[in-house]
């Protein structure tokens, strides 16, 4: 047990050492490439390797100069609002649709070809059309997230429904359950782990999509902030932005994973 605990902490630390070593090597061999130390100073403030006093990105994350110039907190918040807007719509539409597709062969044959066609379409392909339709940055980003993140929810929900044992369905038929009772008492307890797996994948896609969407649409958001820093040649801030995106994505995955475990009756039974 102690060895497992030590390994759980030691291996990530060793990975961090390797990453920092490779990063330092790149900074040494590529002119103007940000070093780990200078990137840290750019993030939290202090004196960099050129003896310049730097005000860090996180020194004042809540500042608001104007509508287009805000601190990193507001950039992240704006992106999260769009992500959860599109993600919530994907759940509201995807779960009922997935249930219907899983329960009905007619619905499966009706929707499956279109799911397979639209599922692999890049979010960047939807952006120009949606921007033309909505003429609004926020609505375009939310709609893009909705369209590209709904497929894992539909597919996994339908898979969960189809994994229900026929014996359970026969019991429901003998007891003369209504369709709603059959869904609530028989199908959902089995399908919920699959649904949350789809939601977990969907949220990861939503957070992935928002960065690309904001880079192209502009406005306030972490994606546009990264792109704006590139245009300003602030390469330190690009690395900081990448780390922010990665850490938030990791945090979102942990949160929805914990929620999924809470509703997973198979794991509850093992506790």
C-alpha atoms as a PDB file:
ATOM      1  CA  UNK A   1       0.000   0.000   0.000  1.00  0.00           C
ATOM      2  CA  UNK A   2       2.804   2.375   0.926  1.00  0.00           C
ATOM      3  CA  UNK A   3       4.683   1.492  -2.263  1.00  0.00           C
ATOM      4  CA  UNK A   4       1.578   2.214  -4.357  1.00  0.00           C
ATOM      5  CA  UNK A   5       1.140   5.609  -2.654  1.00  0.00           C
ATOM      6  CA  UNK A   6       4.783   6.522  -3.223  1.00  0.00           C
ATOM      7  CA  UNK A   7       4.572   5.431  -6.852  1.00  0.00           C
ATOM      8  CA  UNK A   8       1.390   7.458  -7.372  1.00  0.00           C
ATOM      9  CA  UNK A   9       3.264  10.631  -6.399  1.00  0.00           C
ATOM     10  CA  UNK A  10       6.761   9.768  -7.575  1.00  0.00           C
ATOM     11  CA  UNK A  11       5.991   8.876 -11.190  1.00  0.00           C
ATOM     12  CA  UNK A  12       4.162  12.170 -11.972  1.00  0.00           C
ATOM     13  CA  UNK A  13       7.081  14.065 -10.374  1.00  0.00           C
ATOM     14  CA  UNK A  14       9.537  12.177 -12.563  1.00  0.00           C
ATOM     15  CA  UNK A  15       7.369  13.018 -15.574  1.00  0.00           C
ATOM     16  CA  UNK A  16       7.436  16.695 -14.572  1.00  0.00           C
ATOM     17  CA  UNK A  17      11.239  16.602 -14.346  1.00  0.00           C
ATOM     18  CA  UNK A  18      11.470  15.129 -17.858  1.00  0.00           C
ATOM     19  CA  UNK A  19       9.047  17.723 -19.259  1.00  0.00           C
ATOM     20  CA  UNK A  20      10.971  20.595 -17.632  1.00  0.00           C
ATOM     21  CA  UNK A  21      14.263  19.200 -18.947  1.00  0.00           C
ATOM     22  CA  UNK A  22      12.925  18.974 -22.514  1.00  0.00           C
ATOM     23  CA  UNK A  23      11.341  22.432 -22.177  1.00  0.00           C
ATOM     24  CA  UNK A  24      14.608  23.958 -20.921  1.00  0.00           C
ATOM     25  CA  UNK A  25      16.473  22.314 -23.788  1.00  0.00           C
ATOM     26  CA  UNK A  26      14.067  23.836 -26.328  1.00  0.00           C
ATOM     27  CA  UNK A  27      14.456  27.248 -24.716  1.00  0.00           C
ATOM     28  CA  UNK A  28      18.224  26.879 -24.908  1.00  0.00           C
ATOM     29  CA  UNK A  29      18.343  25.851 -28.580  1.00  0.00           C
ATOM     30  CA  UNK A  30      15.463  27.925 -30.017  1.00  0.00           C
ATOM     31  CA  UNK A  31      15.875  31.671 -29.933  1.00  0.00           C
ATOM     32  CA  UNK A  32      13.159  33.534 -27.997  1.00  0.00           C
ATOM     33  CA  UNK A  33      11.470  30.308 -26.888  1.00  0.00           C
ATOM     34  CA  UNK A  34      10.167  30.875 -23.320  1.00  0.00           C
ATOM     35  CA  UNK A  35      12.067  29.117 -20.557  1.00  0.00           C
ATOM     36  CA  UNK A  36      10.290  27.513 -17.590  1.00  0.00           C
ATOM     37  CA  UNK A  37      11.578  30.197 -15.228  1.00  0.00           C
ATOM     38  CA  UNK A  38      10.528  33.129 -17.413  1.00  0.00           C
ATOM     39  CA  UNK A  39       7.132  31.525 -18.008  1.00  0.00           C
ATOM     40  CA  UNK A  40       6.655  31.197 -14.242  1.00  0.00           C
ATOM     41  CA  UNK A  41       7.540  34.869 -13.790  1.00  0.00           C
ATOM     42  CA  UNK A  42       5.155  35.807 -16.605  1.00  0.00           C
ATOM     43  CA  UNK A  43       2.417  33.896 -14.807  1.00  0.00           C
ATOM     44  CA  UNK A  44       2.902  35.100 -11.240  1.00  0.00           C
ATOM     45  CA  UNK A  45       5.075  38.202 -11.558  1.00  0.00           C
ATOM     46  CA  UNK A  46       8.627  39.046 -10.513  1.00  0.00           C
ATOM     47  CA  UNK A  47      11.986  39.712 -12.141  1.00  0.00           C
ATOM     48  CA  UNK A  48      12.720  37.654 -15.256  1.00  0.00           C
ATOM     49  CA  UNK A  49      16.067  36.448 -16.588  1.00  0.00           C
ATOM     50  CA  UNK A  50      16.564  39.805 -18.349  1.00  0.00           C
ATOM     51  CA  UNK A  51      16.232  41.659 -15.024  1.00  0.00           C
ATOM     52  CA  UNK A  52      12.862  43.104 -16.068  1.00  0.00           C
ATOM     53  CA  UNK A  53      10.029  43.563 -13.579  1.00  0.00           C
ATOM     54  CA  UNK A  54       7.021  41.614 -14.858  1.00  0.00           C
ATOM     55  CA  UNK A  55       3.384  41.888 -13.815  1.00  0.00           C
ATOM     56  CA  UNK A  56       2.095  38.336 -13.976  1.00  0.00           C
ATOM     57  CA  UNK A  57      -1.045  37.063 -15.662  1.00  0.00           C
ATOM     58  CA  UNK A  58      -2.365  35.909 -12.271  1.00  0.00           C
ATOM     59  CA  UNK A  59      -1.252  39.036 -10.404  1.00  0.00           C
ATOM     60  CA  UNK A  60      -4.588  40.726 -11.166  1.00  0.00           C
ATOM     61  CA  UNK A  61      -6.887  38.162 -12.812  1.00  0.00           C
ATOM     62  CA  UNK A  62     -10.044  40.198 -12.116  1.00  0.00           C
ATOM     63  CA  UNK A  63      -9.150  43.482 -13.795  1.00  0.00           C
ATOM     64  CA  UNK A  64     -11.517  44.994 -16.355  1.00  0.00           C
ATOM     65  CA  UNK A  65     -10.058  47.740 -18.556  1.00  0.00           C
ATOM     66  CA  UNK A  66     -12.851  47.630 -21.136  1.00  0.00           C
ATOM     67  CA  UNK A  67     -15.139  45.117 -22.841  1.00  0.00           C
ATOM     68  CA  UNK A  68     -12.255  43.706 -24.896  1.00  0.00           C
ATOM     69  CA  UNK A  69      -9.520  43.889 -22.247  1.00  0.00           C
ATOM     70  CA  UNK A  70     -10.205  41.777 -19.151  1.00  0.00           C
ATOM     71  CA  UNK A  71      -8.229  39.647 -16.720  1.00  0.00           C
ATOM     72  CA  UNK A  72      -7.676  35.941 -17.140  1.00  0.00           C
ATOM     73  CA  UNK A  73     -10.496  35.066 -14.706  1.00  0.00           C
ATOM     74  CA  UNK A  74     -13.082  36.687 -16.990  1.00  0.00           C
ATOM     75  CA  UNK A  75     -11.578  34.986 -20.033  1.00  0.00           C
ATOM     76  CA  UNK A  76     -11.929  31.578 -18.386  1.00  0.00           C
ATOM     77  CA  UNK A  77     -15.418  32.354 -17.057  1.00  0.00           C
ATOM     78  CA  UNK A  78     -16.637  33.416 -20.493  1.00  0.00           C
ATOM     79  CA  UNK A  79     -15.364  30.195 -22.043  1.00  0.00           C
ATOM     80  CA  UNK A  80     -16.927  28.057 -19.319  1.00  0.00           C
ATOM     81  CA  UNK A  81     -20.294  29.787 -19.770  1.00  0.00           C
ATOM     82  CA  UNK A  82     -20.281  28.919 -23.473  1.00  0.00           C
ATOM     83  CA  UNK A  83     -19.114  25.368 -22.816  1.00  0.00           C
ATOM     84  CA  UNK A  84     -21.811  24.628 -20.251  1.00  0.00           C
ATOM     85  CA  UNK A  85     -24.441  26.311 -22.423  1.00  0.00           C
ATOM     86  CA  UNK A  86     -23.706  24.009 -25.366  1.00  0.00           C
ATOM     87  CA  UNK A  87     -23.122  21.015 -23.098  1.00  0.00           C
ATOM     88  CA  UNK A  88     -26.475  21.472 -21.308  1.00  0.00           C
ATOM     89  CA  UNK A  89     -28.287  21.646 -24.648  1.00  0.00           C
ATOM     90  CA  UNK A  90     -26.483  18.492 -25.781  1.00  0.00           C
ATOM     91  CA  UNK A  91     -27.696  16.669 -22.650  1.00  0.00           C
ATOM     92  CA  UNK A  92     -31.284  17.924 -22.993  1.00  0.00           C
ATOM     93  CA  UNK A  93     -31.493  16.750 -26.597  1.00  0.00           C
ATOM     94  CA  UNK A  94     -29.032  13.853 -26.620  1.00  0.00           C
ATOM     95  CA  UNK A  95     -30.286  11.780 -23.679  1.00  0.00           C
ATOM     96  CA  UNK A  96     -33.971  11.557 -24.773  1.00  0.00           C
ATOM     97  CA  UNK A  97     -32.917  10.973 -28.375  1.00  0.00           C
ATOM     98  CA  UNK A  98     -30.483   8.268 -27.310  1.00  0.00           C
ATOM     99  CA  UNK A  99     -33.188   6.579 -25.249  1.00  0.00           C
ATOM    100  CA  UNK A 100     -35.557   6.564 -28.214  1.00  0.00           C
ATOM    101  CA  UNK A 101     -32.874   5.244 -30.576  1.00  0.00           C
ATOM    102  CA  UNK A 102     -31.929   2.503 -28.121  1.00  0.00           C
ATOM    103  CA  UNK A 103     -35.512   1.433 -27.516  1.00  0.00           C
ATOM    104  CA  UNK A 104     -36.768   1.519 -31.101  1.00  0.00           C
ATOM    105  CA  UNK A 105     -35.323  -0.186 -34.172  1.00  0.00           C
ATOM    106  CA  UNK A 106     -37.263   2.257 -36.351  1.00  0.00           C
ATOM    107  CA  UNK A 107     -35.646   5.252 -34.622  1.00  0.00           C
ATOM    108  CA  UNK A 108     -32.239   3.565 -34.851  1.00  0.00           C
ATOM    109  CA  UNK A 109     -32.570   3.004 -38.602  1.00  0.00           C
ATOM    110  CA  UNK A 110     -33.884   6.551 -39.037  1.00  0.00           C
ATOM    111  CA  UNK A 111     -31.120   8.402 -37.186  1.00  0.00           C
ATOM    112  CA  UNK A 112     -28.067   6.136 -37.315  1.00  0.00           C
ATOM    113  CA  UNK A 113     -26.938   7.048 -40.878  1.00  0.00           C
ATOM    114  CA  UNK A 114     -27.002  10.762 -40.048  1.00  0.00           C
ATOM    115  CA  UNK A 115     -25.193  10.242 -36.755  1.00  0.00           C
ATOM    116  CA  UNK A 116     -22.413   8.396 -38.588  1.00  0.00           C
ATOM    117  CA  UNK A 117     -22.225  11.141 -41.227  1.00  0.00           C
ATOM    118  CA  UNK A 118     -22.174  14.175 -38.933  1.00  0.00           C
ATOM    119  CA  UNK A 119     -20.207  12.680 -36.023  1.00  0.00           C
ATOM    120  CA  UNK A 120     -16.765  13.010 -37.681  1.00  0.00           C
ATOM    121  CA  UNK A 121     -17.334  16.540 -39.031  1.00  0.00           C
ATOM    122  CA  UNK A 122     -14.808  18.982 -37.574  1.00  0.00           C
ATOM    123  CA  UNK A 123     -16.207  21.819 -35.446  1.00  0.00           C
ATOM    124  CA  UNK A 124     -14.295  24.256 -37.637  1.00  0.00           C
ATOM    125  CA  UNK A 125     -16.461  23.182 -40.574  1.00  0.00           C
ATOM    126  CA  UNK A 126     -19.621  24.240 -38.728  1.00  0.00           C
ATOM    127  CA  UNK A 127     -18.332  27.635 -37.597  1.00  0.00           C
ATOM    128  CA  UNK A 128     -18.752  29.686 -40.812  1.00  0.00           C
ATOM    129  CA  UNK A 129     -22.292  28.440 -41.389  1.00  0.00           C
ATOM    130  CA  UNK A 130     -23.370  28.951 -37.777  1.00  0.00           C
ATOM    131  CA  UNK A 131     -21.806  32.408 -37.677  1.00  0.00           C
ATOM    132  CA  UNK A 132     -23.810  33.288 -40.785  1.00  0.00           C
ATOM    133  CA  UNK A 133     -27.013  31.927 -39.184  1.00  0.00           C
ATOM    134  CA  UNK A 134     -26.728  33.511 -35.733  1.00  0.00           C
ATOM    135  CA  UNK A 135     -24.630  36.621 -36.460  1.00  0.00           C
ATOM    136  CA  UNK A 136     -23.525  36.434 -32.816  1.00  0.00           C
ATOM    137  CA  UNK A 137     -20.270  35.192 -31.308  1.00  0.00           C
ATOM    138  CA  UNK A 138     -21.764  33.621 -28.167  1.00  0.00           C
ATOM    139  CA  UNK A 139     -24.605  31.834 -29.940  1.00  0.00           C
ATOM    140  CA  UNK A 140     -22.225  30.583 -32.630  1.00  0.00           C
ATOM    141  CA  UNK A 141     -19.848  29.112 -30.043  1.00  0.00           C
ATOM    142  CA  UNK A 142     -22.689  27.510 -28.057  1.00  0.00           C
ATOM    143  CA  UNK A 143     -24.279  26.043 -31.198  1.00  0.00           C
ATOM    144  CA  UNK A 144     -20.911  24.677 -32.374  1.00  0.00           C
ATOM    145  CA  UNK A 145     -20.349  23.010 -28.997  1.00  0.00           C
ATOM    146  CA  UNK A 146     -23.863  21.583 -29.060  1.00  0.00           C
ATOM    147  CA  UNK A 147     -23.513  20.091 -32.541  1.00  0.00           C
ATOM    148  CA  UNK A 148     -20.078  18.575 -31.991  1.00  0.00           C
ATOM    149  CA  UNK A 149     -20.565  17.294 -28.430  1.00  0.00           C
ATOM    150  CA  UNK A 150     -24.024  15.724 -28.729  1.00  0.00           C
ATOM    151  CA  UNK A 151     -22.892  12.560 -30.539  1.00  0.00           C
ATOM    152  CA  UNK A 152     -21.150  10.772 -27.630  1.00  0.00           C
ATOM    153  CA  UNK A 153     -24.236  11.338 -25.460  1.00  0.00           C
ATOM    154  CA  UNK A 154     -26.608   9.911 -28.082  1.00  0.00           C
ATOM    155  CA  UNK A 155     -24.385   6.944 -28.932  1.00  0.00           C
ATOM    156  CA  UNK A 156     -23.591   5.949 -25.343  1.00  0.00           C
ATOM    157  CA  UNK A 157     -27.175   6.424 -24.170  1.00  0.00           C
ATOM    158  CA  UNK A 158     -28.440   4.184 -26.969  1.00  0.00           C
ATOM    159  CA  UNK A 159     -25.714   1.646 -26.151  1.00  0.00           C
ATOM    160  CA  UNK A 160     -26.782   1.675 -22.505  1.00  0.00           C
ATOM    161  CA  UNK A 161     -30.405   1.018 -23.453  1.00  0.00           C
ATOM    162  CA  UNK A 162     -29.422  -1.856 -25.740  1.00  0.00           C
ATOM    163  CA  UNK A 163     -27.336  -3.415 -22.961  1.00  0.00           C
ATOM    164  CA  UNK A 164     -30.437  -3.963 -20.787  1.00  0.00           C
ATOM    165  CA  UNK A 165     -31.047  -7.686 -20.340  1.00  0.00           C
ATOM    166  CA  UNK A 166     -34.040  -9.057 -22.189  1.00  0.00           C
ATOM    167  CA  UNK A 167     -35.062 -10.800 -18.957  1.00  0.00           C
ATOM    168  CA  UNK A 168     -35.579  -7.418 -17.299  1.00  0.00           C
ATOM    169  CA  UNK A 169     -37.689  -6.251 -20.218  1.00  0.00           C
ATOM    170  CA  UNK A 170     -39.768  -9.427 -20.010  1.00  0.00           C
ATOM    171  CA  UNK A 171     -40.396  -8.741 -16.322  1.00  0.00           C
ATOM    172  CA  UNK A 172     -41.535  -5.230 -17.188  1.00  0.00           C
ATOM    173  CA  UNK A 173     -43.915  -6.695 -19.774  1.00  0.00           C
ATOM    174  CA  UNK A 174     -45.326  -9.200 -17.260  1.00  0.00           C
ATOM    175  CA  UNK A 175     -45.836  -6.468 -14.671  1.00  0.00           C
ATOM    176  CA  UNK A 176     -47.452  -4.307 -17.362  1.00  0.00           C
ATOM    177  CA  UNK A 177     -45.192  -1.327 -16.821  1.00  0.00           C
ATOM    178  CA  UNK A 178     -46.052   1.773 -18.786  1.00  0.00           C
ATOM    179  CA  UNK A 179     -43.308   3.028 -21.164  1.00  0.00           C
ATOM    180  CA  UNK A 180     -42.374   5.686 -18.604  1.00  0.00           C
ATOM    181  CA  UNK A 181     -42.202   3.143 -15.776  1.00  0.00           C
ATOM    182  CA  UNK A 182     -40.090   0.833 -17.938  1.00  0.00           C
ATOM    183  CA  UNK A 183     -37.626   3.639 -18.618  1.00  0.00           C
ATOM    184  CA  UNK A 184     -37.490   4.777 -14.998  1.00  0.00           C
ATOM    185  CA  UNK A 185     -37.362   1.402 -13.249  1.00  0.00           C
ATOM    186  CA  UNK A 186     -35.662  -0.897 -15.765  1.00  0.00           C
ATOM    187  CA  UNK A 187     -33.717   0.983 -18.414  1.00  0.00           C
ATOM    188  CA  UNK A 188     -32.249   3.995 -16.613  1.00  0.00           C
ATOM    189  CA  UNK A 189     -30.582   2.071 -13.740  1.00  0.00           C
ATOM    190  CA  UNK A 190     -28.672   0.067 -16.346  1.00  0.00           C
ATOM    191  CA  UNK A 191     -28.104   2.896 -18.828  1.00  0.00           C
ATOM    192  CA  UNK A 192     -26.986   5.627 -16.393  1.00  0.00           C
ATOM    193  CA  UNK A 193     -23.275   4.578 -16.350  1.00  0.00           C
ATOM    194  CA  UNK A 194     -23.286   4.614 -20.160  1.00  0.00           C
ATOM    195  CA  UNK A 195     -25.028   8.000 -20.217  1.00  0.00           C
ATOM    196  CA  UNK A 196     -22.419   9.524 -17.917  1.00  0.00           C
ATOM    197  CA  UNK A 197     -19.632   8.028 -19.999  1.00  0.00           C
ATOM    198  CA  UNK A 198     -21.122   9.832 -22.988  1.00  0.00           C
ATOM    199  CA  UNK A 199     -21.453  13.036 -20.970  1.00  0.00           C
ATOM    200  CA  UNK A 200     -17.830  12.759 -19.870  1.00  0.00           C
ATOM    201  CA  UNK A 201     -16.653  12.393 -23.462  1.00  0.00           C
ATOM    202  CA  UNK A 202     -19.002  15.171 -24.534  1.00  0.00           C
ATOM    203  CA  UNK A 203     -17.700  17.639 -21.956  1.00  0.00           C
ATOM    204  CA  UNK A 204     -14.123  16.915 -23.009  1.00  0.00           C
ATOM    205  CA  UNK A 205     -15.050  17.606 -26.630  1.00  0.00           C
ATOM    206  CA  UNK A 206     -16.911  20.782 -25.615  1.00  0.00           C
ATOM    207  CA  UNK A 207     -13.864  22.170 -23.816  1.00  0.00           C
ATOM    208  CA  UNK A 208     -11.671  21.183 -26.763  1.00  0.00           C
ATOM    209  CA  UNK A 209     -13.980  22.871 -29.257  1.00  0.00           C
ATOM    210  CA  UNK A 210     -14.335  26.159 -27.383  1.00  0.00           C
ATOM    211  CA  UNK A 211     -10.648  27.017 -27.767  1.00  0.00           C
ATOM    212  CA  UNK A 212     -10.747  26.588 -31.548  1.00  0.00           C
ATOM    213  CA  UNK A 213     -14.110  28.345 -31.828  1.00  0.00           C
ATOM    214  CA  UNK A 214     -12.964  31.396 -29.865  1.00  0.00           C
ATOM    215  CA  UNK A 215      -9.760  31.651 -31.860  1.00  0.00           C
ATOM    216  CA  UNK A 216     -11.830  32.095 -35.018  1.00  0.00           C
ATOM    217  CA  UNK A 217     -14.788  34.091 -33.683  1.00  0.00           C
ATOM    218  CA  UNK A 218     -12.912  36.464 -31.371  1.00  0.00           C
ATOM    219  CA  UNK A 219     -14.379  38.209 -28.344  1.00  0.00           C
ATOM    220  CA  UNK A 220     -13.680  37.320 -24.728  1.00  0.00           C
ATOM    221  CA  UNK A 221     -12.543  33.789 -23.911  1.00  0.00           C
ATOM    222  CA  UNK A 222      -9.451  31.709 -23.240  1.00  0.00           C
ATOM    223  CA  UNK A 223      -9.173  30.647 -26.897  1.00  0.00           C
ATOM    224  CA  UNK A 224      -9.209  34.200 -28.194  1.00  0.00           C
ATOM    225  CA  UNK A 225      -6.851  35.230 -25.388  1.00  0.00           C
ATOM    226  CA  UNK A 226      -4.289  32.641 -26.535  1.00  0.00           C
ATOM    227  CA  UNK A 227      -4.659  33.738 -30.155  1.00  0.00           C
ATOM    228  CA  UNK A 228      -4.339  37.400 -29.184  1.00  0.00           C
ATOM    229  CA  UNK A 229      -1.147  36.643 -27.234  1.00  0.00           C
ATOM    230  CA  UNK A 230       0.238  34.924 -30.335  1.00  0.00           C
ATOM    231  CA  UNK A 231      -0.500  37.993 -32.423  1.00  0.00           C
ATOM    232  CA  UNK A 232       1.263  40.084 -29.770  1.00  0.00           C
ATOM    233  CA  UNK A 233       4.251  37.675 -29.806  1.00  0.00           C
ATOM    234  CA  UNK A 234       3.760  36.905 -26.094  1.00  0.00           C
ATOM    235  CA  UNK A 235       4.849  33.293 -26.324  1.00  0.00           C
ATOM    236  CA  UNK A 236       5.096  32.934 -22.543  1.00  0.00           C
ATOM    237  CA  UNK A 237       1.377  33.587 -22.285  1.00  0.00           C
ATOM    238  CA  UNK A 238       0.612  30.994 -24.967  1.00  0.00           C
ATOM    239  CA  UNK A 239       2.244  28.340 -22.793  1.00  0.00           C
ATOM    240  CA  UNK A 240       0.361  29.671 -19.755  1.00  0.00           C
ATOM    241  CA  UNK A 241      -2.875  29.493 -21.735  1.00  0.00           C
ATOM    242  CA  UNK A 242      -2.161  25.891 -22.778  1.00  0.00           C
ATOM    243  CA  UNK A 243      -1.578  24.961 -19.143  1.00  0.00           C
ATOM    244  CA  UNK A 244      -4.801  26.694 -18.080  1.00  0.00           C
ATOM    245  CA  UNK A 245      -6.795  24.844 -20.742  1.00  0.00           C
ATOM    246  CA  UNK A 246      -5.243  21.522 -19.742  1.00  0.00           C
ATOM    247  CA  UNK A 247      -5.764  21.989 -15.993  1.00  0.00           C
ATOM    248  CA  UNK A 248      -9.377  23.110 -16.371  1.00  0.00           C
ATOM    249  CA  UNK A 249     -10.099  20.213 -18.722  1.00  0.00           C
ATOM    250  CA  UNK A 250      -8.540  17.839 -16.203  1.00  0.00           C
ATOM    251  CA  UNK A 251     -10.623  19.347 -13.412  1.00  0.00           C
ATOM    252  CA  UNK A 252     -13.854  19.095 -15.401  1.00  0.00           C
ATOM    253  CA  UNK A 253     -13.132  15.450 -16.183  1.00  0.00           C
ATOM    254  CA  UNK A 254     -12.545  14.677 -12.497  1.00  0.00           C
ATOM    255  CA  UNK A 255     -15.775  16.418 -11.460  1.00  0.00           C
ATOM    256  CA  UNK A 256     -18.017  14.638 -13.950  1.00  0.00           C
ATOM    257  CA  UNK A 257     -16.199  11.379 -13.224  1.00  0.00           C
ATOM    258  CA  UNK A 258     -17.062  11.721  -9.518  1.00  0.00           C
ATOM    259  CA  UNK A 259     -20.682  12.503 -10.392  1.00  0.00           C
ATOM    260  CA  UNK A 260     -20.786   9.453 -12.673  1.00  0.00           C
ATOM    261  CA  UNK A 261     -19.422   7.241  -9.876  1.00  0.00           C
ATOM    262  CA  UNK A 262     -22.113   8.538  -7.538  1.00  0.00           C
ATOM    263  CA  UNK A 263     -24.885   7.458  -9.913  1.00  0.00           C
ATOM    264  CA  UNK A 264     -23.232   4.176 -10.948  1.00  0.00           C
ATOM    265  CA  UNK A 265     -25.086   1.464  -9.033  1.00  0.00           C
ATOM    266  CA  UNK A 266     -22.472  -1.172  -9.967  1.00  0.00           C
ATOM    267  CA  UNK A 267     -19.746   0.758  -8.120  1.00  0.00           C
ATOM    268  CA  UNK A 268     -22.061   1.512  -5.208  1.00  0.00           C
ATOM    269  CA  UNK A 269     -22.569  -2.198  -4.754  1.00  0.00           C
ATOM    270  CA  UNK A 270     -18.808  -2.753  -4.423  1.00  0.00           C
ATOM    271  CA  UNK A 271     -18.407  -0.215  -1.615  1.00  0.00           C
END
